[in-house]
N, C-alpha and C. Protein backbone atom coordinates (compact mmCIF):
# COMPACT_ATOMS: atom_id res chain seq x y z
N UNK A 1 159.05 149.16 65.19
CA UNK A 1 160.25 150.96 64.98
C UNK A 1 161.15 151.00 63.85
N UNK A 2 161.63 152.18 63.74
CA UNK A 2 161.97 152.00 62.62
C UNK A 2 163.59 151.36 62.55
N UNK A 3 163.84 150.98 63.32
CA UNK A 3 165.28 149.81 63.73
C UNK A 3 164.98 148.45 63.60
N UNK A 4 163.48 148.06 63.37
CA UNK A 4 162.82 146.94 63.79
C UNK A 4 163.79 145.84 62.38
N UNK A 5 164.38 144.88 62.81
CA UNK A 5 165.05 143.99 61.97
C UNK A 5 164.22 143.11 61.53
N UNK A 6 163.27 143.40 61.55
CA UNK A 6 162.58 141.96 60.82
C UNK A 6 162.11 140.59 61.51
N UNK A 7 161.34 139.37 61.19
CA UNK A 7 161.32 138.26 61.04
C UNK A 7 162.51 137.74 60.25
N UNK A 8 163.23 136.75 60.74
CA UNK A 8 163.99 135.82 60.19
C UNK A 8 163.19 135.43 58.94
N UNK A 9 163.55 134.83 57.84
CA UNK A 9 163.10 134.01 56.36
C UNK A 9 162.94 132.93 57.30
N UNK A 10 163.76 131.95 57.81
CA UNK A 10 163.97 131.06 58.60
C UNK A 10 162.35 130.79 59.34
N UNK A 11 161.61 131.62 59.73
CA UNK A 11 160.38 131.76 60.28
C UNK A 11 159.02 131.64 59.94
N UNK A 12 159.73 131.58 58.94
CA UNK A 12 157.86 131.11 57.50
C UNK A 12 158.31 130.85 56.82
N UNK A 13 156.96 130.11 55.58
CA UNK A 13 156.83 129.57 55.07
C UNK A 13 156.44 130.53 53.40
N UNK A 14 157.52 130.36 52.46
CA UNK A 14 156.91 131.27 51.34
C UNK A 14 157.58 130.43 50.19
N UNK A 15 157.25 130.86 48.64
CA UNK A 15 157.69 130.58 47.52
C UNK A 15 158.94 130.50 47.90
N UNK A 16 159.47 129.46 47.22
CA UNK A 16 161.07 129.48 47.23
C UNK A 16 161.69 129.76 46.15
N UNK A 17 160.84 130.42 44.85
CA UNK A 17 161.43 131.15 43.73
C UNK A 17 161.79 132.87 44.45
N UNK A 18 161.12 133.19 45.68
CA UNK A 18 161.79 134.99 45.65
C UNK A 18 162.46 134.91 47.31
N UNK A 19 163.36 133.39 47.25
CA UNK A 19 164.05 133.83 48.25
C UNK A 19 165.39 134.62 48.44
N UNK A 20 165.63 134.88 47.52
CA UNK A 20 166.90 135.86 46.89
C UNK A 20 166.04 137.09 46.78
N UNK A 21 164.65 137.41 47.00
CA UNK A 21 164.62 138.50 46.37
C UNK A 21 164.36 139.61 47.67
N UNK A 22 163.93 139.48 48.49
CA UNK A 22 163.99 140.47 49.89
C UNK A 22 164.73 139.96 51.00
N UNK A 23 164.38 141.22 52.19
CA UNK A 23 166.00 141.35 52.88
C UNK A 23 165.01 140.52 54.09
N UNK A 24 163.82 140.94 54.53
CA UNK A 24 162.87 140.58 55.71
C UNK A 24 161.56 140.27 55.86
N UNK A 25 161.20 139.17 56.60
CA UNK A 25 159.13 139.10 56.56
C UNK A 25 159.19 140.84 57.80
N UNK A 26 158.37 141.57 57.34
CA UNK A 26 158.26 142.50 58.19
C UNK A 26 157.04 142.15 59.16
N UNK A 27 155.77 141.62 58.25
CA UNK A 27 154.87 141.29 59.25
C UNK A 27 154.15 139.87 58.60
N UNK A 28 154.26 139.16 59.18
CA UNK A 28 153.59 137.76 58.93
C UNK A 28 152.43 137.38 59.15
N UNK A 29 151.96 136.70 57.70
CA UNK A 29 150.56 136.50 57.13
C UNK A 29 149.89 136.08 58.63
N UNK A 30 150.05 135.15 60.18
CA UNK A 30 149.14 135.40 60.95
C UNK A 30 148.70 136.85 61.48
N UNK A 31 149.73 137.28 61.98
CA UNK A 31 149.36 138.61 62.71
C UNK A 31 148.74 139.69 61.66
N UNK A 32 148.67 139.91 60.65
CA UNK A 32 148.06 140.33 59.70
C UNK A 32 146.60 140.07 59.88
N UNK A 33 146.33 138.94 59.44
CA UNK A 33 144.77 138.66 59.47
C UNK A 33 143.85 138.55 60.95
N UNK A 34 145.00 138.45 62.03
CA UNK A 34 144.05 138.79 63.29
C UNK A 34 143.61 140.45 63.08
N UNK A 35 145.13 140.91 62.96
CA UNK A 35 144.62 142.62 63.30
C UNK A 35 143.70 142.85 62.11
N UNK A 36 143.26 142.14 60.74
CA UNK A 36 142.40 142.94 60.21
C UNK A 36 140.74 142.48 61.19
N UNK A 37 140.90 141.44 61.76
CA UNK A 37 139.28 140.66 62.35
C UNK A 37 139.31 142.01 63.16
N UNK A 38 140.09 142.69 64.14
CA UNK A 38 140.03 143.59 65.57
C UNK A 38 139.41 144.74 64.18
N UNK A 39 140.55 145.12 63.21
CA UNK A 39 139.85 146.45 62.70
C UNK A 39 138.58 146.44 61.88
N UNK A 40 137.98 145.16 61.89
CA UNK A 40 136.07 144.36 61.51
C UNK A 40 135.45 145.24 62.83
N UNK A 41 136.01 144.48 64.17
CA UNK A 41 134.99 144.72 65.14
C UNK A 41 135.05 146.35 65.36
N UNK A 42 136.50 147.11 65.72
CA UNK A 42 136.40 148.87 65.40
C UNK A 42 135.57 149.38 64.85
N UNK A 43 135.26 148.87 63.64
CA UNK A 43 134.76 149.17 62.47
C UNK A 43 133.14 149.83 62.56
N UNK A 44 132.70 148.23 63.30
CA UNK A 44 131.34 147.89 63.77
C UNK A 44 130.79 148.28 64.75
N UNK A 45 131.85 148.79 66.02
CA UNK A 45 131.55 149.66 67.41
C UNK A 45 131.49 150.95 67.01
N UNK A 46 132.21 151.51 66.21
CA UNK A 46 132.21 152.97 65.99
C UNK A 46 131.06 153.38 64.88
N UNK A 47 130.79 152.92 63.93
CA UNK A 47 130.14 153.22 62.77
C UNK A 47 128.64 152.74 63.53
N UNK A 48 128.21 151.62 64.09
CA UNK A 48 127.72 151.38 64.42
C UNK A 48 126.52 150.49 63.46
N UNK A 49 125.97 150.11 63.36
CA UNK A 49 125.19 148.62 62.68
C UNK A 49 124.13 149.11 61.92
N UNK A 50 124.90 150.18 60.62
CA UNK A 50 124.63 150.25 59.31
C UNK A 50 124.34 149.67 58.01
N UNK A 51 123.67 150.03 57.42
CA UNK A 51 123.88 148.75 55.87
C UNK A 51 125.70 149.91 55.39
N UNK A 52 126.40 149.36 54.66
CA UNK A 52 127.74 149.73 54.16
C UNK A 52 128.19 149.74 52.76
N UNK A 53 128.86 150.45 52.05
CA UNK A 53 129.40 150.26 51.26
C UNK A 53 131.05 150.13 51.11
N UNK A 54 131.25 148.89 51.09
CA UNK A 54 132.71 148.99 50.68
C UNK A 54 133.22 148.72 50.05
N UNK A 55 133.94 149.50 49.76
CA UNK A 55 134.73 150.21 48.23
C UNK A 55 136.35 149.38 48.51
N UNK A 56 136.33 148.69 47.19
CA UNK A 56 137.95 148.28 47.16
C UNK A 56 138.56 148.66 46.26
N UNK A 57 140.14 149.46 46.45
CA UNK A 57 140.39 149.97 45.63
C UNK A 57 141.77 149.04 45.32
N UNK A 58 141.79 148.92 43.65
CA UNK A 58 142.23 147.84 43.33
C UNK A 58 143.66 148.42 42.74
N UNK A 59 144.63 147.24 42.72
CA UNK A 59 144.78 146.08 42.74
C UNK A 59 145.07 145.49 44.32
N UNK A 60 145.82 146.35 45.15
CA UNK A 60 146.71 145.83 46.12
C UNK A 60 146.30 145.84 47.31
N UNK A 61 144.92 145.89 47.02
CA UNK A 61 143.47 146.48 48.53
C UNK A 61 142.93 144.84 48.51
N UNK A 62 143.03 144.13 47.59
CA UNK A 62 141.82 143.01 47.52
C UNK A 62 141.96 142.15 48.68
N UNK A 63 143.25 141.25 49.36
CA UNK A 63 143.17 140.38 49.83
C UNK A 63 142.74 141.31 51.33
N UNK A 64 142.98 142.62 51.25
CA UNK A 64 142.71 143.25 52.48
C UNK A 64 141.33 143.30 52.58
N UNK A 65 140.52 143.88 51.45
CA UNK A 65 138.88 143.95 51.38
C UNK A 65 138.24 142.81 51.22
N UNK A 66 138.92 141.47 50.86
CA UNK A 66 138.03 140.28 50.92
C UNK A 66 138.25 139.68 52.42
N UNK A 67 138.93 140.34 53.06
CA UNK A 67 139.16 139.61 54.97
C UNK A 67 138.31 140.67 55.22
N UNK A 68 138.62 141.68 55.47
CA UNK A 68 137.65 142.80 55.85
C UNK A 68 136.26 142.42 56.20
N UNK A 69 135.70 142.45 54.56
CA UNK A 69 134.30 142.01 54.01
C UNK A 69 134.04 140.77 55.08
N UNK A 70 134.79 140.16 54.94
CA UNK A 70 134.24 138.48 55.59
C UNK A 70 134.34 138.68 57.15
N UNK A 71 134.78 139.23 57.41
CA UNK A 71 134.65 139.72 59.26
C UNK A 71 133.60 140.42 59.37
N UNK A 72 133.24 141.21 58.55
CA UNK A 72 132.13 142.14 58.73
C UNK A 72 131.19 141.35 58.62
N UNK A 73 130.90 140.76 57.99
CA UNK A 73 129.93 139.98 57.37
C UNK A 73 129.67 138.68 58.76
N UNK A 74 130.76 137.99 59.54
CA UNK A 74 130.27 137.22 60.20
C UNK A 74 130.20 137.98 61.67
N UNK A 75 130.58 139.57 61.82
CA UNK A 75 130.05 139.90 62.56
C UNK A 75 128.27 140.33 62.83
N UNK A 76 128.13 140.75 61.58
CA UNK A 76 126.50 141.01 61.19
C UNK A 76 125.75 139.35 61.29
N UNK A 77 126.74 138.51 60.90
CA UNK A 77 125.56 137.37 60.99
C UNK A 77 125.55 137.10 62.84
N UNK A 78 126.35 137.38 63.29
CA UNK A 78 125.97 136.87 64.77
C UNK A 78 126.03 137.92 65.24
N UNK A 79 124.97 138.55 65.29
CA UNK A 79 124.55 139.64 66.07
C UNK A 79 122.75 140.52 66.10
N UNK A 80 122.35 140.78 66.59
CA UNK A 80 120.66 140.82 66.89
C UNK A 80 120.64 141.51 65.37
N UNK A 81 121.01 142.53 65.09
CA UNK A 81 120.84 143.18 63.99
C UNK A 81 121.65 143.20 62.52
N UNK A 82 120.84 142.64 61.07
CA UNK A 82 121.27 142.16 60.03
C UNK A 82 121.56 143.86 59.60
N UNK A 83 123.21 143.56 58.97
CA UNK A 83 124.25 144.53 58.10
C UNK A 83 124.21 144.55 56.98
N UNK A 84 123.61 145.05 56.15
CA UNK A 84 123.63 144.75 54.49
C UNK A 84 125.34 145.21 54.48
N UNK A 85 125.57 144.76 53.41
CA UNK A 85 127.10 145.18 53.08
C UNK A 85 127.49 145.01 51.65
N UNK A 86 127.11 146.10 50.59
CA UNK A 86 127.61 146.27 48.78
C UNK A 86 129.05 146.38 48.93
N UNK A 87 129.67 145.80 47.48
CA UNK A 87 130.32 146.14 47.64
C UNK A 87 130.59 147.11 46.08
N UNK A 88 131.63 147.88 45.59
CA UNK A 88 132.09 148.32 44.24
C UNK A 88 133.62 148.04 44.55
N UNK A 89 134.21 148.56 43.05
CA UNK A 89 135.65 148.37 42.69
C UNK A 89 136.53 149.59 42.06
N UNK A 90 136.94 150.05 42.48
CA UNK A 90 138.06 151.33 41.51
C UNK A 90 139.48 150.70 41.45
N UNK A 91 139.52 152.03 40.41
CA UNK A 91 141.35 151.47 40.41
C UNK A 91 142.15 152.80 40.09
N UNK A 92 143.00 153.51 41.02
CA UNK A 92 143.76 154.50 40.56
C UNK A 92 145.24 153.81 40.10
N UNK A 93 145.25 154.51 39.80
CA UNK A 93 147.14 154.54 39.18
C UNK A 93 148.15 155.92 39.42
N UNK A 94 148.93 155.08 40.65
CA UNK A 94 149.60 156.15 40.82
C UNK A 94 151.21 155.78 41.15
N UNK A 95 151.55 154.59 40.88
CA UNK A 95 152.84 154.07 40.63
C UNK A 95 153.60 153.19 39.59
N UNK A 96 154.64 153.46 39.33
CA UNK A 96 155.61 152.39 38.28
C UNK A 96 156.46 152.22 38.92
N UNK A 97 157.25 150.85 39.13
CA UNK A 97 158.04 150.40 39.98
C UNK A 97 158.03 150.79 40.90
N UNK A 98 158.85 151.01 42.04
CA UNK A 98 158.22 151.89 43.33
C UNK A 98 158.51 153.40 43.13
N UNK A 99 158.06 154.07 42.72
CA UNK A 99 158.65 155.46 42.20
C UNK A 99 156.80 156.01 42.13
N UNK A 100 156.47 157.14 42.68
CA UNK A 100 155.00 157.87 42.46
C UNK A 100 155.17 158.46 41.11
N UNK A 101 154.18 158.47 40.45
CA UNK A 101 153.54 159.23 39.12
C UNK A 101 153.42 160.57 39.46
N UNK A 102 152.90 160.69 40.78
CA UNK A 102 152.92 162.02 40.99
C UNK A 102 151.65 162.54 40.86
N UNK A 103 150.58 161.94 40.37
CA UNK A 103 149.49 162.01 39.24
C UNK A 103 148.77 160.98 39.74
N UNK A 104 147.17 160.93 39.75
CA UNK A 104 146.80 159.25 40.00
C UNK A 104 145.53 159.71 38.88
N UNK A 105 145.58 158.63 38.58
CA UNK A 105 144.45 157.95 37.52
C UNK A 105 143.15 157.41 37.81
N UNK A 106 142.22 157.48 37.44
CA UNK A 106 140.85 156.26 38.50
C UNK A 106 140.40 155.79 37.16
N UNK A 107 140.85 154.41 37.46
CA UNK A 107 139.62 153.87 36.77
C UNK A 107 138.79 152.89 36.79
N UNK A 108 138.16 152.27 36.11
CA UNK A 108 136.64 151.98 36.78
C UNK A 108 135.67 152.26 37.79
N UNK A 109 135.32 152.29 38.31
CA UNK A 109 134.13 152.84 39.17
C UNK A 109 132.98 154.01 38.63
N UNK A 110 132.90 152.86 37.21
CA UNK A 110 131.41 153.54 36.31
C UNK A 110 130.75 153.94 36.48
N UNK A 111 130.32 153.64 37.40
CA UNK A 111 128.73 154.21 38.45
C UNK A 111 128.92 154.79 39.73
N UNK A 112 129.52 155.36 39.94
CA UNK A 112 129.91 156.19 41.58
C UNK A 112 129.20 156.52 41.79
N UNK A 113 127.98 157.16 41.41
CA UNK A 113 126.53 157.33 41.85
C UNK A 113 125.70 157.09 42.57
N UNK A 114 125.92 155.78 43.06
CA UNK A 114 125.00 154.54 43.39
C UNK A 114 125.69 154.74 44.62
N UNK A 115 126.89 155.77 45.02
CA UNK A 115 127.15 156.09 46.70
C UNK A 115 126.79 156.84 47.37
N UNK A 116 125.44 157.77 46.59
CA UNK A 116 124.54 159.11 47.17
C UNK A 116 124.19 158.59 48.78
N UNK A 117 124.12 159.24 49.49
CA UNK A 117 123.46 158.55 50.58
C UNK A 117 124.08 157.64 51.16
N UNK A 118 125.05 156.94 50.98
CA UNK A 118 125.96 155.57 51.34
C UNK A 118 126.52 155.46 52.30
N UNK A 119 126.72 154.77 53.10
CA UNK A 119 128.00 154.38 54.17
C UNK A 119 128.83 153.70 53.69
N UNK A 120 130.10 155.04 53.33
CA UNK A 120 131.30 154.13 52.21
C UNK A 120 132.59 153.58 53.14
N UNK A 121 133.11 152.61 53.10
CA UNK A 121 134.20 152.53 53.92
C UNK A 121 135.17 152.12 52.68
N UNK A 122 136.47 152.91 52.40
CA UNK A 122 137.21 152.70 51.37
C UNK A 122 138.23 152.20 51.89
N UNK A 123 138.74 151.37 51.27
CA UNK A 123 139.89 149.90 51.81
C UNK A 123 141.01 150.13 50.78
N UNK A 124 142.02 150.61 51.57
CA UNK A 124 143.31 151.20 51.21
C UNK A 124 144.43 150.05 51.82
N UNK A 125 145.17 150.03 50.80
CA UNK A 125 146.92 149.09 51.05
C UNK A 125 147.71 150.09 52.27
N UNK A 126 148.08 151.03 51.19
CA UNK A 126 149.30 151.66 52.44
C UNK A 126 148.83 153.21 51.82
N UNK A 127 148.98 153.90 52.91
CA UNK A 127 149.00 155.44 52.85
C UNK A 127 150.58 156.06 53.63
N UNK A 128 150.81 156.84 52.47
CA UNK A 128 151.73 157.51 52.47
C UNK A 128 152.30 158.83 52.54
N UNK A 129 152.25 159.19 51.51
CA UNK A 129 151.95 160.84 51.39
C UNK A 129 150.22 161.44 51.83
N UNK A 130 149.43 160.48 51.18
CA UNK A 130 148.12 161.10 51.58
C UNK A 130 147.29 161.30 50.20
N UNK A 131 148.33 161.91 49.39
CA UNK A 131 147.96 162.47 48.27
C UNK A 131 146.82 162.09 47.24
N UNK A 132 146.89 160.54 47.02
CA UNK A 132 146.18 159.56 46.09
C UNK A 132 145.16 159.19 47.30
N UNK A 133 144.99 159.18 48.10
CA UNK A 133 143.59 159.30 49.36
C UNK A 133 142.84 160.43 48.86
N UNK A 134 143.55 161.53 49.29
CA UNK A 134 142.66 163.05 49.35
C UNK A 134 142.06 163.25 47.54
N UNK A 135 143.19 162.59 46.48
CA UNK A 135 142.32 163.04 45.36
C UNK A 135 140.91 161.80 45.30
N UNK A 136 141.15 160.71 46.10
CA UNK A 136 140.04 159.75 45.50
C UNK A 136 138.95 160.15 46.70
N UNK A 137 139.19 160.66 48.00
CA UNK A 137 138.00 161.06 48.60
C UNK A 137 137.40 162.28 47.60
N UNK A 138 137.94 163.34 47.30
CA UNK A 138 137.72 164.30 46.23
C UNK A 138 136.19 164.17 45.40
N UNK A 139 137.07 162.89 44.78
CA UNK A 139 136.25 162.25 43.41
C UNK A 139 134.54 161.61 44.26
N UNK A 140 134.71 161.29 45.10
CA UNK A 140 133.81 160.47 46.01
C UNK A 140 132.98 161.41 46.58
N UNK A 141 133.38 162.33 47.52
CA UNK A 141 132.82 163.30 47.76
C UNK A 141 131.84 164.59 47.19
N UNK A 142 131.70 164.45 45.68
CA UNK A 142 131.24 164.82 44.34
C UNK A 142 130.01 164.08 44.54
N UNK A 143 129.82 162.86 45.32
CA UNK A 143 128.76 162.29 44.91
C UNK A 143 127.47 161.93 45.81
N UNK A 144 128.10 162.75 46.79
CA UNK A 144 127.38 162.91 47.76
C UNK A 144 126.92 161.85 48.74
N UNK A 145 128.02 161.11 49.21
CA UNK A 145 127.25 159.99 50.48
C UNK A 145 126.97 160.64 51.89
N UNK A 146 126.54 159.34 52.13
CA UNK A 146 126.19 159.76 53.46
C UNK A 146 127.43 160.12 54.47
N UNK A 147 128.28 159.15 54.19
CA UNK A 147 129.97 159.04 55.52
C UNK A 147 130.55 158.08 54.81
N UNK A 148 132.15 158.84 54.62
CA UNK A 148 133.39 158.01 54.29
C UNK A 148 134.18 157.93 55.70
N UNK A 149 134.32 156.65 55.54
CA UNK A 149 136.03 155.89 56.44
C UNK A 149 136.65 155.58 55.55
N UNK A 150 138.17 155.35 56.27
CA UNK A 150 138.98 155.45 55.29
C UNK A 150 139.63 153.94 56.34
N UNK A 151 139.93 152.88 55.41
CA UNK A 151 140.45 151.27 56.06
C UNK A 151 141.83 151.42 55.59
N UNK A 152 143.20 151.64 55.87
CA UNK A 152 144.25 151.51 55.52
C UNK A 152 145.25 149.84 56.67
N UNK A 153 145.62 149.75 55.28
CA UNK A 153 146.36 148.62 55.79
C UNK A 153 147.24 148.72 56.56
N UNK A 154 148.13 149.69 56.15
CA UNK A 154 149.69 149.91 56.43
C UNK A 154 149.54 151.73 56.43
N UNK A 155 150.24 152.73 57.40
CA UNK A 155 150.61 153.69 57.43
C UNK A 155 151.82 154.14 57.55
N UNK A 156 152.41 154.72 56.72
CA UNK A 156 154.16 154.88 56.65
C UNK A 156 153.81 155.85 57.54
N UNK A 157 155.30 156.11 58.16
CA UNK A 157 155.21 157.45 59.23
C UNK A 157 155.45 158.93 58.51
N UNK A 158 155.99 158.83 57.16
CA UNK A 158 155.84 160.06 56.46
C UNK A 158 154.61 160.77 56.14
N UNK A 159 153.67 159.42 56.37
CA UNK A 159 151.94 159.80 55.43
C UNK A 159 152.02 161.68 56.64
N UNK A 160 151.98 161.54 57.70
CA UNK A 160 151.18 162.55 58.46
C UNK A 160 151.92 163.74 58.81
N UNK A 161 152.71 163.87 57.41
CA UNK A 161 153.52 165.72 57.22
C UNK A 161 152.07 166.24 56.81
N UNK A 162 151.59 165.77 55.78
CA UNK A 162 150.69 166.58 55.49
C UNK A 162 149.00 166.40 55.95
N UNK A 163 148.87 165.61 56.94
CA UNK A 163 147.82 165.84 58.05
C UNK A 163 146.72 164.99 57.70
N UNK A 164 147.18 164.35 56.52
CA UNK A 164 145.76 163.15 56.64
C UNK A 164 146.29 162.01 57.16
N UNK A 165 144.95 161.33 57.82
CA UNK A 165 145.08 159.80 58.46
C UNK A 165 143.81 159.35 58.54
N UNK A 166 143.95 157.94 58.21
CA UNK A 166 142.69 156.96 57.89
C UNK A 166 142.18 157.33 59.27
N UNK A 167 141.20 156.45 58.92
CA UNK A 167 140.40 156.57 60.26
C UNK A 167 140.36 155.22 60.89
N UNK A 168 140.72 154.01 59.94
CA UNK A 168 141.21 152.66 60.93
C UNK A 168 142.22 152.19 60.02
N UNK A 169 143.63 151.87 61.26
CA UNK A 169 144.84 151.65 60.10
C UNK A 169 145.66 150.40 60.92
N UNK A 170 145.90 149.05 60.31
CA UNK A 170 146.37 148.15 60.79
C UNK A 170 148.00 148.31 61.42
N UNK A 171 148.76 149.08 60.57
CA UNK A 171 150.16 148.78 61.54
C UNK A 171 150.62 149.84 60.81
N UNK A 172 151.70 150.86 61.70
CA UNK A 172 152.04 151.83 61.04
C UNK A 172 153.41 151.35 61.13
N UNK A 173 154.10 151.83 59.83
CA UNK A 173 155.54 151.03 59.50
C UNK A 173 156.62 152.53 59.17
N UNK A 174 158.15 152.00 59.62
CA UNK A 174 158.66 152.70 58.71
C UNK A 174 158.51 153.16 57.13
N UNK A 175 159.49 154.25 57.05
CA UNK A 175 159.48 154.52 55.40
C UNK A 175 160.07 153.58 54.51
N UNK A 176 159.46 152.13 54.01
CA UNK A 176 160.07 151.37 53.15
C UNK A 176 158.56 150.96 52.60
N UNK A 177 159.62 150.27 51.07
CA UNK A 177 159.21 150.29 50.20
C UNK A 177 158.51 148.36 50.40
N UNK A 178 157.18 147.96 50.67
CA UNK A 178 156.71 146.50 51.15
C UNK A 178 156.15 145.79 49.79
N UNK A 179 156.54 144.88 50.21
CA UNK A 179 155.15 143.85 49.10
C UNK A 179 154.43 142.40 49.97
N UNK A 180 154.03 141.97 49.29
CA UNK A 180 153.10 140.95 49.87
C UNK A 180 151.74 140.93 50.29
N UNK A 181 150.95 140.28 50.48
CA UNK A 181 149.61 140.18 51.09
C UNK A 181 149.03 141.34 49.69
N UNK A 182 149.08 141.18 48.81
CA UNK A 182 148.54 141.58 47.82
C UNK A 182 149.43 142.60 47.19
N UNK A 183 150.49 143.37 47.77
CA UNK A 183 151.06 144.71 47.43
C UNK A 183 151.72 144.09 46.77
N UNK A 184 152.08 144.72 45.21
CA UNK A 184 153.14 144.11 44.40
C UNK A 184 154.08 145.43 43.93
N UNK A 185 155.14 144.92 43.57
CA UNK A 185 156.33 145.18 42.85
C UNK A 185 156.16 144.74 41.06
N UNK A 186 155.51 145.68 40.49
CA UNK A 186 155.80 145.45 38.59
C UNK A 186 154.56 144.54 39.04
N UNK A 187 153.83 143.91 39.43
CA UNK A 187 152.80 142.91 39.44
C UNK A 187 153.53 141.58 40.04
N UNK A 188 154.26 141.37 40.18
CA UNK A 188 155.09 141.13 41.21
C UNK A 188 155.09 140.35 42.79
N UNK A 189 154.73 139.42 43.46
CA UNK A 189 155.20 139.42 44.93
C UNK A 189 153.33 139.46 45.21
N UNK A 190 152.20 139.65 44.91
CA UNK A 190 150.81 139.70 45.19
C UNK A 190 150.81 138.28 45.46
N UNK A 191 151.21 136.93 45.32
CA UNK A 191 150.73 136.02 46.00
C UNK A 191 151.54 135.41 47.01
N UNK A 192 152.25 136.40 47.78
CA UNK A 192 153.05 136.15 49.02
C UNK A 192 152.14 136.29 49.94
N UNK A 193 151.88 135.92 50.67
CA UNK A 193 151.00 135.97 52.12
C UNK A 193 151.73 137.05 52.94
N UNK A 194 153.17 136.60 53.39
CA UNK A 194 153.76 138.11 54.12
C UNK A 194 153.69 139.78 53.42
N UNK A 195 154.07 140.49 54.51
CA UNK A 195 154.62 141.64 53.53
C UNK A 195 156.12 141.25 54.26
N UNK A 196 157.07 141.67 53.61
CA UNK A 196 157.96 141.53 52.96
C UNK A 196 158.87 142.79 52.64
N UNK A 197 160.10 142.90 53.14
CA UNK A 197 160.77 144.58 52.46
C UNK A 197 161.73 143.67 51.13
N UNK A 198 161.62 144.20 50.20
CA UNK A 198 162.55 143.42 48.90
C UNK A 198 163.64 144.66 48.76
N UNK A 199 164.96 143.41 48.30
CA UNK A 199 166.26 144.28 48.44
C UNK A 199 166.50 145.09 47.06
N UNK A 200 167.79 145.66 46.89
CA UNK A 200 168.13 146.59 46.08
C UNK A 200 168.35 145.15 43.94
N UNK A 201 168.94 144.23 44.48
CA UNK A 201 168.89 143.21 43.46
C UNK A 201 167.46 142.68 42.83
N UNK A 202 166.53 142.77 43.53
CA UNK A 202 165.50 142.72 43.15
C UNK A 202 164.47 143.82 42.44
N UNK A 203 164.85 145.14 43.44
CA UNK A 203 164.14 145.91 42.10
C UNK A 203 164.74 146.23 41.30
N UNK A 204 166.25 146.03 40.65
CA UNK A 204 166.49 145.73 39.64
C UNK A 204 166.27 145.19 38.47
N UNK A 205 166.30 143.56 38.90
CA UNK A 205 165.47 142.62 38.70
C UNK A 205 164.29 142.69 37.80
N UNK A 206 163.32 143.04 38.41
CA UNK A 206 162.23 143.98 37.68
C UNK A 206 161.71 144.61 37.38
N UNK A 207 162.64 145.59 37.58
CA UNK A 207 162.15 147.13 36.98
C UNK A 207 162.18 146.86 35.83
N UNK A 208 160.77 148.01 35.30
CA UNK A 208 160.31 148.00 34.29
C UNK A 208 160.33 149.73 33.55
């Protein structure tokens, strides 16, 4: 809920040098990991046992991507039909500090032509307005993949105003700026296992 106070910091372990930087834990690591396992099961159930290209949108998605690929692979290994999982990486730039830059720049993904005819799952960290993902989908669809699905760890409630919704979502959260689980604030907090809300003093301290 929008008024969810979060988890008390004393209930979790975390790097002590971050202690004064955040308000509360929004999502503990254990809950996140379990939800990703369920997402993997839902993906396999919905799209069927077909070969998959899992596209990681760097940098804040790499932990979700790694865990999702691991669970998809485990499901495949323990089924009667093997699913070939291939991976690729691209990097869009759309944020500076906690503000959107308005335009997306795509770096990497030098051979997106390899997506032609493939079943593609794009791994996203947070869907907000949906503008970044729509631009990315537009770029990928030019290469004529067979199917494109989006799996996002977080969906902010204001992201639905423009009608975009990921095919698979981990958690719906309030319109908050969050860090941790590879989500960063100017390259800090990627090493934090939980997803947390940082305070204003932290934003000022690490602002660029």
